[in-house]
Structure formats: C-alpha cells, structure tokens
Amino acid sequence: MRKNKRRKADNRMEKWDVLEFLTWIPEIFTFPVRLVAWLVKGIGRLIGSIFDWV
C-alpha cells in the first residue's frame, strides 16, 4: 500500500511539472522577438547619438 501512495504522489508532481512547462511556452516564443526589439532599439539610440554629435 505504501508503494501506491508514493506513485500517486509522484503522479501529482508530474502533472505540476507539465503545467509549469506549459506556462513557459509563451516565454520561449516571445523571448527572441523581445531580444531583436531590444537590439534594434539600442542600435537606433546609438545612431541617434551619433547624429547629435554632428
């Protein structure tokens, strides 16, 4: 009977792990977009500061 209780407890944890992974899926897809936007914004500021000097 103790083995059955352990299996049930393990299954509960596996379910939570899957749910946690599902919450990371949007982050995985949006991170590259945010990274590119951040780089473009930085390059734009660099170019803007170069024109301020001229």
Protein backbone atom coordinates (compact mmCIF):
# COMPACT_ATOMS: atom_id res chain seq x y z
CA MET A 1 0.00 0.00 0.00
CA ARG A 2 2.86 2.38 0.63
CA LYS A 3 4.06 1.97 -2.94
CA ASN A 4 0.65 3.04 -4.25
CA LYS A 5 0.76 6.21 -2.14
CA ARG A 6 4.21 7.04 -3.47
CA ARG A 7 3.08 6.52 -7.05
CA LYS A 8 0.11 8.81 -6.53
CA ALA A 9 2.34 11.48 -5.04
CA ASP A 10 4.77 11.19 -7.95
CA ASN A 11 1.96 11.49 -10.49
CA ARG A 12 0.78 14.69 -8.83
CA MET A 13 4.23 16.20 -9.14
CA GLU A 14 4.49 15.18 -12.79
CA LYS A 15 1.20 16.95 -13.50
CA TRP A 16 2.51 20.14 -11.91
CA ASP A 17 5.74 19.87 -13.91
CA VAL A 18 3.77 19.67 -17.13
CA LEU A 19 1.67 22.68 -16.15
CA GLU A 20 4.81 24.61 -15.29
CA PHE A 21 6.28 23.76 -18.68
CA LEU A 22 3.10 24.93 -20.41
CA THR A 23 3.46 28.33 -18.75
CA TRP A 24 6.98 28.64 -20.22
CA ILE A 25 5.84 28.09 -23.83
CA PRO A 26 4.75 31.71 -24.43
CA GLU A 27 8.04 32.93 -22.95
CA ILE A 28 10.02 30.69 -25.27
CA PHE A 29 8.28 32.18 -28.31
CA THR A 30 8.33 35.83 -27.19
CA PHE A 31 11.95 35.94 -25.98
CA PRO A 32 13.55 36.08 -29.46
CA VAL A 33 11.13 38.82 -30.52
CA ARG A 34 11.93 40.86 -27.43
CA LEU A 35 15.65 40.30 -27.93
CA VAL A 36 15.52 41.58 -31.53
CA ALA A 37 13.43 44.58 -30.47
CA TRP A 38 15.94 45.37 -27.72
CA LEU A 39 18.85 45.21 -30.16
CA VAL A 40 17.08 47.40 -32.74
CA LYS A 41 16.22 49.92 -30.04
CA GLY A 42 19.85 50.00 -28.88
CA ILE A 43 21.18 50.44 -32.41
CA GLY A 44 18.64 53.22 -33.01
CA ARG A 45 19.79 55.05 -29.91
CA LEU A 46 23.42 54.66 -30.98
CA ILE A 47 22.69 56.11 -34.42
CA GLY A 48 20.66 58.91 -32.83
CA SER A 49 23.51 59.83 -30.51
CA ILE A 50 25.96 59.88 -33.44
CA PHE A 51 23.74 62.40 -35.26
CA ASP A 52 23.52 64.52 -32.09
CA TRP A 53 27.30 64.91 -32.20
CA VAL A 54 27.29 66.06 -35.84
